[in-house]
Amino acid sequence: MKEMICIICPMGCHLKVDDSDVDNIKVSGNGCIRGVDYAKEEVMAPKRTVTSIVRVHGGKIKMVSVKTTDRIPKALIFKVLEQLKTITVDAPIYIGDEIIKNVCNTRINIIATKTVSKK
């Protein structure tokens, strides 16, 4: 039996997950069906949104904040961060600009979450 707190909505339900039979995972303590889906995914294949920063060349500031456009498998987080360390983008950068397409072959992109103008 595993215990976790659902992070899908502000209710923060305390979930109990019985994953002794992976074909029939049982979840209790959820206030809505989204808690069940969250708990099952968290046990079987956890995913996270990644936020970080990337170096900027020729900008008013030297870094721009970035994030994944969707959640990626938790096991890939450090690979994504390593790839981001190698990136430098040229100013100007605008919110929503694609920084990396298909990061780590996930079909998920890295986008800028801030605008950085030229010096």
Protein backbone atom coordinates (compact mmCIF):
# COMPACT_ATOMS: atom_id res chain seq x y z
CA MET A 1 0.00 0.00 0.00
CA LYS A 2 1.34 3.42 -0.98
CA GLU A 3 0.18 6.77 0.29
CA MET A 4 0.39 9.99 -1.69
CA ILE A 5 -1.17 13.41 -1.93
CA CYS A 6 -2.95 14.19 -5.17
CA ILE A 7 -1.60 17.34 -6.84
CA ILE A 8 -4.13 17.61 -9.66
CA CYS A 9 -6.32 20.19 -7.91
CA PRO A 10 -6.10 22.35 -4.76
CA MET A 11 -8.01 19.81 -2.62
CA GLY A 12 -4.83 17.77 -2.03
CA CYS A 13 -6.64 14.49 -1.35
CA HIS A 14 -4.72 11.91 0.67
CA LEU A 15 -4.71 8.84 -1.53
CA LYS A 16 -4.08 5.23 -0.63
CA VAL A 17 -2.96 3.09 -3.54
CA ASP A 18 -2.92 -0.69 -3.57
CA ASP A 19 -0.67 -1.67 -6.47
CA SER A 20 -0.12 -5.28 -5.43
CA ASP A 21 -1.90 -6.28 -8.66
CA VAL A 22 -0.71 -3.95 -11.44
CA ASP A 23 -3.64 -5.04 -13.61
CA ASN A 24 -6.10 -3.93 -10.94
CA ILE A 25 -4.73 -0.91 -9.05
CA LYS A 26 -7.09 0.22 -6.31
CA VAL A 27 -7.23 3.86 -5.17
CA SER A 28 -9.10 5.28 -2.19
CA GLY A 29 -9.30 8.72 -0.57
CA ASN A 30 -9.86 10.57 -3.83
CA GLY A 31 -12.46 13.33 -4.04
CA CYS A 32 -12.86 12.94 -7.81
CA ILE A 33 -12.02 10.59 -10.67
CA ARG A 34 -8.96 12.67 -11.57
CA GLY A 35 -7.34 11.48 -8.33
CA VAL A 36 -7.69 7.87 -9.44
CA ASP A 37 -6.10 8.64 -12.81
CA TYR A 38 -3.29 10.60 -11.14
CA ALA A 39 -2.53 7.79 -8.65
CA LYS A 40 -2.46 5.11 -11.34
CA GLU A 41 -0.14 7.14 -13.55
CA GLU A 42 2.08 8.02 -10.59
CA VAL A 43 2.50 4.33 -9.77
CA MET A 44 2.87 3.03 -13.33
CA ALA A 45 4.63 5.81 -15.26
CA PRO A 46 5.13 9.09 -13.37
CA LYS A 47 5.49 12.28 -15.40
CA ARG A 48 6.51 15.83 -14.55
CA THR A 49 6.62 19.27 -16.12
CA VAL A 50 10.23 20.46 -16.25
CA THR A 51 11.14 24.09 -15.68
CA SER A 52 14.65 25.44 -15.99
CA ILE A 53 16.73 28.23 -17.54
CA VAL A 54 18.77 28.59 -20.73
CA ARG A 55 21.63 30.96 -21.50
CA VAL A 56 20.87 33.98 -23.72
CA HIS A 57 23.42 35.62 -26.02
CA GLY A 58 23.00 39.35 -26.66
CA GLY A 59 20.07 39.86 -24.32
CA LYS A 60 19.34 42.42 -21.61
CA ILE A 61 19.54 39.48 -19.21
CA LYS A 62 21.77 36.43 -19.54
CA MET A 63 19.19 33.70 -18.91
CA VAL A 64 15.63 32.91 -19.97
CA SER A 65 13.19 30.68 -18.11
CA VAL A 66 11.88 27.67 -20.03
CA LYS A 67 9.48 24.75 -19.52
CA THR A 68 8.20 21.65 -21.22
CA THR A 69 4.94 22.00 -23.15
CA ASP A 70 3.65 18.87 -21.43
CA ARG A 71 4.72 16.45 -18.73
CA ILE A 72 7.61 14.12 -19.58
CA PRO A 73 8.48 10.74 -18.07
CA LYS A 74 10.11 11.33 -14.71
CA ALA A 75 13.05 9.12 -15.71
CA LEU A 76 14.01 11.64 -18.43
CA ILE A 77 14.17 14.75 -16.26
CA PHE A 78 17.95 14.72 -15.79
CA LYS A 79 18.55 14.02 -19.51
CA VAL A 80 16.40 17.03 -20.38
CA LEU A 81 18.27 19.20 -17.88
CA GLU A 82 21.62 18.06 -19.29
CA GLN A 83 20.47 18.98 -22.79
CA LEU A 84 19.32 22.41 -21.58
CA LYS A 85 22.79 23.07 -20.11
CA THR A 86 24.25 22.92 -23.63
CA ILE A 87 21.83 25.44 -25.18
CA THR A 88 22.44 29.13 -25.79
CA VAL A 89 19.78 31.15 -27.61
CA ASP A 90 20.12 34.53 -29.30
CA ALA A 91 18.03 37.50 -28.16
CA PRO A 92 15.35 38.55 -28.70
CA ILE A 93 13.34 35.69 -27.18
CA TYR A 94 9.57 35.88 -26.75
CA ILE A 95 7.23 33.99 -24.46
CA GLY A 96 6.23 30.79 -26.22
CA ASP A 97 9.26 30.64 -28.52
CA GLU A 98 10.32 27.06 -29.15
CA ILE A 99 13.76 26.49 -27.65
CA ILE A 100 14.06 22.73 -28.27
CA LYS A 101 11.72 20.68 -30.42
CA ASN A 102 11.00 17.06 -29.48
CA VAL A 103 13.27 17.07 -26.42
CA CYS A 104 14.76 13.61 -25.78
CA ASN A 105 12.45 12.15 -28.46
CA THR A 106 9.37 12.72 -26.29
CA ARG A 107 7.38 14.73 -28.90
CA ILE A 108 7.34 17.45 -26.26
CA ASN A 109 8.95 20.83 -26.80
CA ILE A 110 10.81 23.24 -24.54
CA ILE A 111 9.45 26.80 -24.76
CA ALA A 112 10.45 30.16 -23.33
CA THR A 113 8.32 31.43 -20.45
CA LYS A 114 9.73 34.97 -20.49
CA THR A 115 10.55 37.63 -23.04
CA VAL A 116 14.19 38.73 -23.26
CA SER A 117 14.94 41.73 -25.45
CA LYS A 118 18.25 42.57 -27.11
CA LYS A 119 20.83 44.70 -25.29
